[in-house]
């Protein structure tokens, strides 16, 4: 190869090299553009994922807030209905107690006179028999027909039983009047033992022996406590709810034991009520302890939830303990606790300050309005954010509260 051919060959190679270099530059530029596009796409995707996660978290938070608002509304509606019912019940019971008390007062007040008149008449009969030992046949026949001797011996028993019955009615009426302080809207200093005793008097018919079980024994272990500032009628309702539940539990426990294969003798059914003043924090404790079957551990956290009940359909509404909890915690700034183990009975402990002067009653109407506004706001925002989210607030209708 001569010099001219070599030079030409070199020029061709240089030209091919320049072409290849241009292609390489374009390829390198394309690769950089692709990498830049990928980075931008990854950034957009990452931002989109973050926005979706943030939106999901926000929706979950607002959904939880809506559920809480619904729960609060249900609780407030329950309290409002129960407060209205308790007020009406207090007026009704107080009126009935007053109407019963008047005729009972007449009966009780005249029993002593009636007893004295009966004794005088019997004494007069004795005098006639003593001074006229041989009455005419018509008189003698009548004496035998009415069994005069038995009448004379039984008359004191009849009068005593009437007096005991009238005293029992007076006691029940007094208990009703004590229990029916539902309409008292102000905090007053009262003797809690009177409220406990009046509630027990009203529940006496449930404590008596029944065909399916023996009597439920009540042990009172009352401590020395001062008069307590409280809403007496509402606390009496708490006492009633807790004692009624204890009686239900003891009855069911006894029936279950009797159904057992060995028919083992059951222990006595006992409800123990204790009161104590805790001087270190100026609180009063009222404890209700039964020796029933106890409560399963998974049920205890739900005991005070509205509408939760383990009773058969138609026997319980699930409002008693929920309302009791609200009365103790919200109206009296106290605590209501449940301690229970299966097979070892159950204990409900009420702890309330001895003075309530500085505690104000919650404003139900204001709280209800705020919760309604919150619920509507959250609901509208959720609807605006996603077509998949369409929460609704169910209207709760309470047709009947437990007695």
Protein backbone atom coordinates (compact mmCIF):
# COMPACT_ATOMS: atom_id res chain seq x y z
CA UNK A 1 0.00 0.00 0.00
CA UNK A 2 1.46 3.33 -1.03
CA UNK A 3 1.31 6.55 0.91
CA UNK A 4 -1.75 7.96 -0.87
CA UNK A 5 -3.80 4.89 -0.20
CA UNK A 6 -2.76 4.88 3.43
CA UNK A 7 -3.72 8.53 3.82
CA UNK A 8 -7.09 7.87 2.20
CA UNK A 9 -7.63 4.90 4.47
CA UNK A 10 -6.82 7.01 7.51
CA UNK A 11 -9.29 9.67 6.42
CA UNK A 12 -12.03 7.06 6.03
CA UNK A 13 -11.30 5.66 9.48
CA UNK A 14 -11.31 9.13 11.00
CA UNK A 15 -14.62 9.85 9.30
CA UNK A 16 -16.12 6.59 10.58
CA UNK A 17 -14.78 7.38 14.03
CA UNK A 18 -16.43 10.81 13.98
CA UNK A 19 -19.74 9.24 12.94
CA UNK A 20 -19.47 6.66 15.71
CA UNK A 21 -18.59 9.37 18.23
CA UNK A 22 -21.65 11.38 17.23
CA UNK A 23 -23.82 8.30 17.58
CA UNK A 24 -22.24 7.59 20.95
CA UNK A 25 -22.88 11.16 22.07
CA UNK A 26 -26.50 10.96 20.97
CA UNK A 27 -26.91 7.61 22.76
CA UNK A 28 -25.32 9.03 25.90
CA UNK A 29 -27.61 12.04 25.74
CA UNK A 30 -30.64 9.77 25.25
CA UNK A 31 -29.60 7.67 28.23
CA UNK A 32 -29.29 10.77 30.38
CA UNK A 33 -32.70 11.95 29.25
CA UNK A 34 -34.19 8.53 30.04
CA UNK A 35 -32.59 8.56 33.49
CA UNK A 36 -33.88 12.06 34.11
CA UNK A 37 -37.37 11.03 33.00
CA UNK A 38 -37.18 7.98 35.27
CA UNK A 39 -36.11 10.14 38.20
CA UNK A 40 -38.94 12.55 37.54
CA UNK A 41 -41.41 9.66 37.25
CA UNK A 42 -40.11 8.14 40.49
CA UNK A 43 -40.42 11.48 42.24
CA UNK A 44 -43.97 11.93 40.97
CA UNK A 45 -44.83 8.36 41.98
CA UNK A 46 -43.29 8.82 45.43
CA UNK A 47 -45.17 12.07 45.94
CA UNK A 48 -48.39 10.44 44.75
CA UNK A 49 -47.90 7.50 47.15
CA UNK A 50 -47.19 9.92 50.00
CA UNK A 51 -50.29 11.94 49.18
CA UNK A 52 -52.37 8.76 49.03
CA UNK A 53 -51.01 7.61 52.38
CA UNK A 54 -51.60 11.02 53.92
CA UNK A 55 -55.11 11.05 52.50
CA UNK A 56 -55.75 7.54 53.80
CA UNK A 57 -54.46 8.48 57.26
CA UNK A 58 -56.60 11.60 57.26
CA UNK A 59 -59.66 9.61 56.22
CA UNK A 60 -59.00 7.05 58.96
CA UNK A 61 -58.54 9.79 61.56
CA UNK A 62 -61.73 11.53 60.51
CA UNK A 63 -63.59 8.24 60.37
CA UNK A 64 -62.49 7.57 63.95
CA UNK A 65 -63.52 11.09 64.90
CA UNK A 66 -66.92 10.50 63.31
CA UNK A 67 -67.33 7.21 65.19
CA UNK A 68 -66.39 8.97 68.43
CA UNK A 69 -68.87 11.75 67.67
CA UNK A 70 -71.57 9.14 67.06
CA UNK A 71 -70.67 7.40 70.33
CA UNK A 72 -70.83 10.73 72.18
CA UNK A 73 -74.18 11.56 70.61
CA UNK A 74 -75.60 8.20 71.63
CA UNK A 75 -74.35 8.69 75.17
CA UNK A 76 -75.74 12.21 75.39
CA UNK A 77 -79.08 11.15 73.95
CA UNK A 78 -79.23 8.34 76.48
CA UNK A 79 -78.41 10.72 79.33
CA UNK A 80 -80.98 13.26 78.19
CA UNK A 81 -83.71 10.64 77.88
CA UNK A 82 -82.79 9.07 81.19
CA UNK A 83 -82.64 12.43 82.93
CA UNK A 84 -86.09 13.29 81.60
CA UNK A 85 -87.43 9.88 82.61
CA UNK A 86 -85.90 10.08 86.08
CA UNK A 87 -87.37 13.53 86.62
CA UNK A 88 -90.83 12.37 85.55
CA UNK A 89 -90.46 9.18 87.58
CA UNK A 90 -89.44 11.17 90.63
CA UNK A 91 -92.52 13.38 90.39
CA UNK A 92 -94.75 10.35 89.79
CA UNK A 93 -93.35 8.28 92.66
CA UNK A 94 -93.42 11.24 95.04
CA UNK A 95 -97.05 11.90 94.12
CA UNK A 96 -98.05 8.26 94.51
CA UNK A 97 -96.21 8.03 97.83
CA UNK A 98 -98.02 11.14 99.04
CA UNK A 99 -101.41 9.80 97.96
CA UNK A 100 -100.76 6.46 99.67
CA UNK A 101 -99.34 8.10 102.76
CA UNK A 102 -102.54 9.99 103.60
CA UNK A 103 -104.95 7.01 103.82
CA UNK A 104 -102.26 4.88 105.45
CA UNK A 105 -101.87 7.61 108.04
CA UNK A 106 -105.60 7.45 108.76
CA UNK A 107 -105.47 3.66 109.11
CA UNK A 108 -102.34 3.63 111.23
CA UNK A 109 -103.54 6.47 113.44
CA UNK A 110 -106.89 4.76 114.12
CA UNK A 111 -105.51 1.28 114.75
CA UNK A 112 -104.76 2.05 118.40
CA UNK A 113 -108.30 3.34 118.89
CA UNK A 114 -109.75 0.33 117.08
CA UNK A 115 -107.68 -2.00 119.24
CA UNK A 116 -108.84 -0.24 122.40
CA UNK A 117 -112.48 -0.33 121.27
CA UNK A 118 -112.19 -4.05 120.51
CA UNK A 119 -110.68 -4.71 123.93
CA UNK A 120 -113.48 -2.73 125.58
CA UNK A 121 -116.15 -4.65 123.68
CA UNK A 122 -114.56 -7.98 124.57
CA UNK A 123 -114.36 -6.88 128.18
CA UNK A 124 -118.03 -5.93 128.02
CA UNK A 125 -118.84 -9.40 126.66
CA UNK A 126 -116.90 -10.93 129.56
CA UNK A 127 -118.89 -8.85 132.03
CA UNK A 128 -122.18 -9.93 130.46
CA UNK A 129 -121.12 -13.57 130.59
CA UNK A 130 -120.04 -13.17 134.21
CA UNK A 131 -123.23 -11.45 135.36
CA UNK A 132 -125.60 -13.38 133.07
CA UNK A 133 -124.16 -16.89 132.93
CA UNK A 134 -127.35 -18.37 131.47
CA UNK A 135 -128.20 -16.42 128.29
CA UNK A 136 -131.25 -17.15 126.22
CA UNK A 137 -130.99 -19.87 123.61
CA UNK A 138 -130.87 -17.41 120.69
CA UNK A 139 -127.90 -15.62 122.25
CA UNK A 140 -126.18 -18.92 123.05
CA UNK A 141 -126.71 -20.15 119.48
CA UNK A 142 -125.22 -16.97 118.06
CA UNK A 143 -122.21 -17.21 120.43
CA UNK A 144 -121.56 -20.71 119.17
CA UNK A 145 -122.04 -19.76 115.51
CA UNK A 146 -119.45 -16.98 115.66
CA UNK A 147 -117.08 -19.03 117.85
CA UNK A 148 -116.80 -16.27 120.41
CA UNK A 149 -113.96 -17.87 122.38
CA UNK A 150 -111.77 -18.10 119.28
CA UNK A 151 -112.67 -14.54 118.31
CA UNK A 152 -111.64 -13.27 121.76
CA UNK A 153 -108.27 -15.05 121.57
CA UNK A 154 -107.61 -14.14 117.92
CA UNK A 155 -108.62 -10.48 118.06
CA UNK A 156 -105.24 -9.27 119.46
CA UNK A 157 -103.44 -11.21 116.71
CA UNK A 158 -105.64 -9.61 114.03
CA UNK A 159 -105.02 -6.13 115.39
CA UNK A 160 -101.27 -6.73 115.68
CA UNK A 161 -101.05 -8.03 112.10
CA UNK A 162 -102.98 -5.00 110.85
CA UNK A 163 -100.60 -2.71 112.72
CA UNK A 164 -97.56 -4.53 111.32
CA UNK A 165 -99.00 -4.26 107.81
CA UNK A 166 -99.65 -0.55 108.20
CA UNK A 167 -96.13 -0.03 109.55
CA UNK A 168 -94.74 -1.93 106.56
CA UNK A 169 -96.71 0.27 104.16
CA UNK A 170 -95.45 3.38 105.94
CA UNK A 171 -91.89 2.05 105.64
CA UNK A 172 -92.31 1.39 101.92
CA UNK A 173 -93.85 4.82 101.34
CA UNK A 174 -90.98 6.46 103.22
CA UNK A 175 -88.51 4.49 101.10
CA UNK A 176 -90.29 5.58 97.92
CA UNK A 177 -90.16 9.21 99.01
CA UNK A 178 -86.46 8.85 99.83
CA UNK A 179 -85.76 7.06 96.56
CA UNK A 180 -87.79 9.50 94.46
CA UNK A 181 -85.45 12.45 94.84
CA UNK A 182 -85.03 12.29 91.06
CA UNK A 183 -86.48 15.74 90.55
CA UNK A 184 -84.02 17.45 92.88
CA UNK A 185 -81.73 19.35 90.53
CA UNK A 186 -79.41 20.70 93.20
CA UNK A 187 -76.66 19.02 95.15
CA UNK A 188 -77.75 18.33 98.72
CA UNK A 189 -76.11 16.79 101.76
CA UNK A 190 -77.81 13.46 102.49
CA UNK A 191 -77.23 10.29 104.45
CA UNK A 192 -76.19 7.64 101.92
CA UNK A 193 -77.26 4.88 104.29
CA UNK A 194 -80.85 6.13 104.04
CA UNK A 195 -80.66 5.84 100.25
CA UNK A 196 -79.19 2.33 100.45
CA UNK A 197 -81.82 1.20 102.95
CA UNK A 198 -84.68 2.68 100.92
CA UNK A 199 -83.42 0.91 97.80
CA UNK A 200 -83.21 -2.38 99.70
CA UNK A 201 -86.75 -1.86 100.94
CA UNK A 202 -88.01 -1.40 97.38
CA UNK A 203 -86.09 -4.54 96.31
CA UNK A 204 -87.28 -6.58 99.31
CA UNK A 205 -89.72 -8.57 97.17
CA UNK A 206 -86.79 -9.77 95.04
CA UNK A 207 -84.69 -10.70 98.06
CA UNK A 208 -87.37 -12.94 99.57
CA UNK A 209 -87.30 -16.72 99.00
CA UNK A 210 -88.62 -17.73 95.59
CA UNK A 211 -89.84 -21.14 94.34
CA UNK A 212 -86.57 -21.63 92.46
CA UNK A 213 -84.13 -20.29 95.08
CA UNK A 214 -83.68 -19.45 98.78
CA UNK A 215 -83.63 -15.96 100.24
CA UNK A 216 -80.78 -13.65 99.26
CA UNK A 217 -79.05 -12.50 102.42
CA UNK A 218 -78.01 -8.86 102.67
CA UNK A 219 -75.07 -7.99 104.90
CA UNK A 220 -74.75 -4.31 105.76
CA UNK A 221 -71.26 -3.24 106.78
CA UNK A 222 -71.85 0.48 107.11
CA UNK A 223 -68.95 2.61 108.25
CA UNK A 224 -69.12 5.97 109.97
CA UNK A 225 -69.49 8.47 107.14
CA UNK A 226 -70.77 12.05 107.20
CA UNK A 227 -73.62 13.35 105.11
CA UNK A 228 -72.49 13.44 101.49
CA UNK A 229 -73.15 16.22 98.99
CA UNK A 230 -74.67 14.54 95.95
CA UNK A 231 -77.63 14.19 93.61
CA UNK A 232 -79.42 11.78 95.94
CA UNK A 233 -82.07 10.52 93.54
CA UNK A 234 -79.58 9.74 90.82
CA UNK A 235 -77.28 7.90 93.23
CA UNK A 236 -80.28 5.89 94.40
CA UNK A 237 -80.81 4.91 90.76
CA UNK A 238 -77.18 3.73 90.61
CA UNK A 239 -77.72 1.66 93.77
CA UNK A 240 -80.87 0.17 92.24
CA UNK A 241 -79.13 -0.79 88.98
CA UNK A 242 -76.15 -2.43 90.69
CA UNK A 243 -78.26 -4.32 93.26
CA UNK A 244 -80.71 -5.51 90.60
CA UNK A 245 -77.84 -6.85 88.51
CA UNK A 246 -76.39 -8.60 91.57
CA UNK A 247 -79.75 -10.25 92.31
CA UNK A 248 -80.05 -11.37 88.67
CA UNK A 249 -76.54 -12.86 88.79
CA UNK A 250 -77.21 -14.71 92.06
CA UNK A 251 -80.48 -16.13 90.76
CA UNK A 252 -78.89 -17.37 87.53
CA UNK A 253 -75.96 -18.80 89.50
CA UNK A 254 -78.24 -20.79 91.81
CA UNK A 255 -80.28 -22.15 88.89
CA UNK A 256 -77.11 -23.26 87.08
CA UNK A 257 -75.84 -25.03 90.21
CA UNK A 258 -79.14 -26.87 90.60
CA UNK A 259 -78.92 -28.03 86.98
CA UNK A 260 -75.53 -29.63 87.68
CA UNK A 261 -75.17 -33.43 87.46
CA UNK A 262 -74.43 -33.94 91.16
CA UNK A 263 -76.95 -31.41 92.53
CA UNK A 264 -74.34 -30.14 94.96
CA UNK A 265 -75.69 -28.00 97.80
CA UNK A 266 -75.19 -24.38 96.86
CA UNK A 267 -73.70 -21.84 99.27
CA UNK A 268 -75.96 -19.14 100.73
CA UNK A 269 -76.71 -16.33 98.29
CA UNK A 270 -75.18 -13.20 99.81
CA UNK A 271 -75.06 -9.53 98.82
CA UNK A 272 -72.68 -7.49 100.98
CA UNK A 273 -72.86 -3.69 101.06
CA UNK A 274 -69.96 -1.76 102.59
CA UNK A 275 -69.45 1.96 103.09
CA UNK A 276 -66.23 3.63 104.13
CA UNK A 277 -64.78 7.13 104.40
CA UNK A 278 -61.30 7.48 102.90
CA UNK A 279 -59.98 10.39 104.89
CA UNK A 280 -56.72 10.78 102.95
CA UNK A 281 -58.56 12.02 99.84
CA UNK A 282 -61.97 12.82 101.38
CA UNK A 283 -63.77 10.20 99.34
CA UNK A 284 -66.60 7.87 100.23
CA UNK A 285 -66.57 4.31 98.94
CA UNK A 286 -69.69 2.20 98.51
CA UNK A 287 -68.99 -1.45 97.67
CA UNK A 288 -71.52 -4.02 96.44
CA UNK A 289 -70.14 -7.56 96.58
CA UNK A 290 -71.95 -10.78 95.67
CA UNK A 291 -70.84 -14.40 95.78
CA UNK A 292 -72.23 -15.19 92.34
CA UNK A 293 -70.53 -16.71 89.29
CA UNK A 294 -68.32 -13.74 88.44
CA UNK A 295 -67.85 -12.02 85.08
CA UNK A 296 -65.62 -13.26 82.23
CA UNK A 297 -62.48 -11.10 81.75
CA UNK A 298 -63.36 -10.27 78.13
CA UNK A 299 -66.75 -8.86 79.21
CA UNK A 300 -65.53 -6.51 81.96
CA UNK A 301 -64.11 -3.81 79.59
CA UNK A 302 -67.52 -3.55 77.88
CA UNK A 303 -69.70 -3.43 81.00
CA UNK A 304 -70.18 0.34 80.94
CA UNK A 305 -70.71 0.66 77.17
CA UNK A 306 -74.19 1.85 76.12
CA UNK A 307 -76.52 -0.94 74.95
CA UNK A 308 -74.11 -3.72 75.98
CA UNK A 309 -75.83 -6.54 77.84
CA UNK A 310 -75.34 -10.25 78.42
CA UNK A 311 -78.97 -10.77 79.40
CA UNK A 312 -81.48 -12.50 77.12
CA UNK A 313 -83.39 -10.42 74.60
CA UNK A 314 -86.23 -8.57 76.30
CA UNK A 315 -84.74 -8.75 79.79
CA UNK A 316 -82.17 -5.97 79.61
CA UNK A 317 -81.52 -2.88 77.50
CA UNK A 318 -77.82 -2.49 78.30
CA UNK A 319 -78.36 1.02 79.67
CA UNK A 320 -78.33 0.47 83.44
CA UNK A 321 -74.59 0.29 84.06
CA UNK A 322 -73.84 2.80 81.30
CA UNK A 323 -76.10 5.39 82.90
CA UNK A 324 -74.78 4.50 86.36
CA UNK A 325 -71.23 5.08 85.12
CA UNK A 326 -72.17 8.47 83.70
CA UNK A 327 -73.96 9.50 86.90
CA UNK A 328 -70.96 8.57 89.06
CA UNK A 329 -68.18 9.90 86.82
CA UNK A 330 -69.77 12.93 85.18
CA UNK A 331 -72.33 14.11 87.72
CA UNK A 332 -70.31 13.33 90.85
CA UNK A 333 -66.71 13.45 89.59
CA UNK A 334 -66.21 9.95 90.95
CA UNK A 335 -65.24 6.47 89.82
CA UNK A 336 -67.19 3.27 89.20
CA UNK A 337 -65.08 0.12 89.01
CA UNK A 338 -65.81 -3.57 88.62
CA UNK A 339 -63.63 -6.29 90.14
CA UNK A 340 -64.54 -9.85 89.27
CA UNK A 341 -63.12 -13.32 88.76
CA UNK A 342 -64.97 -16.33 87.45
CA UNK A 343 -66.25 -18.42 90.32
CA UNK A 344 -65.34 -15.81 92.93
CA UNK A 345 -68.17 -13.30 92.68
CA UNK A 346 -68.28 -9.68 91.59
CA UNK A 347 -67.67 -6.37 93.34
CA UNK A 348 -68.74 -2.92 92.14
CA UNK A 349 -66.97 -0.03 93.87
CA UNK A 350 -68.33 3.53 93.81
CA UNK A 351 -65.92 6.25 94.90
CA UNK A 352 -67.20 9.83 95.11
CA UNK A 353 -65.93 13.00 96.79
CA UNK A 354 -67.67 13.82 100.03
CA UNK A 355 -68.20 17.40 98.82
CA UNK A 356 -69.71 18.28 95.44
CA UNK A 357 -70.18 22.02 95.93
CA UNK A 358 -67.71 23.02 93.23
CA UNK A 359 -68.81 20.45 90.66
CA UNK A 360 -71.19 21.71 88.00
CA UNK A 361 -73.69 19.64 86.13
CA UNK A 362 -72.70 19.06 82.47
CA UNK A 363 -74.57 21.17 79.94
CA UNK A 364 -76.12 18.45 77.82
CA UNK A 365 -77.64 20.78 75.25
CA UNK A 366 -74.35 22.59 74.53
CA UNK A 367 -72.36 19.38 74.23
CA UNK A 368 -75.01 17.84 72.01
CA UNK A 369 -75.00 20.83 69.66
CA UNK A 370 -71.20 20.78 69.44
CA UNK A 371 -71.14 17.06 68.69
CA UNK A 372 -73.82 17.45 66.02
CA UNK A 373 -71.83 20.23 64.39
CA UNK A 374 -68.64 18.16 64.52
CA UNK A 375 -70.38 15.12 63.05
CA UNK A 376 -71.87 17.13 60.17
CA UNK A 377 -68.53 18.81 59.41
CA UNK A 378 -66.58 15.55 59.35
CA UNK A 379 -69.24 13.82 57.29
CA UNK A 380 -69.31 16.56 54.65
CA UNK A 381 -65.51 16.64 54.38
CA UNK A 382 -65.32 12.87 53.98
CA UNK A 383 -67.94 12.94 51.25
CA UNK A 384 -66.05 15.68 49.43
CA UNK A 385 -62.73 13.79 49.59
CA UNK A 386 -63.82 10.40 48.24
CA UNK A 387 -66.81 8.81 46.57
CA UNK A 388 -65.91 5.57 48.33
CA UNK A 389 -66.42 7.04 51.75
CA UNK A 390 -70.04 7.71 52.62
CA UNK A 391 -70.48 7.55 56.38
CA UNK A 392 -73.88 8.08 57.85
CA UNK A 393 -74.96 8.75 61.40
CA UNK A 394 -77.71 6.36 62.44
CA UNK A 395 -80.57 7.84 64.39
CA UNK A 396 -80.86 5.88 67.61
CA UNK A 397 -84.42 5.36 68.81
CA UNK A 398 -84.84 4.35 72.46
CA UNK A 399 -88.37 3.01 72.67
CA UNK A 400 -88.19 1.91 76.26
CA UNK A 401 -85.68 2.26 79.07
CA UNK A 402 -85.30 -0.40 81.72
CA UNK A 403 -87.36 0.11 84.79
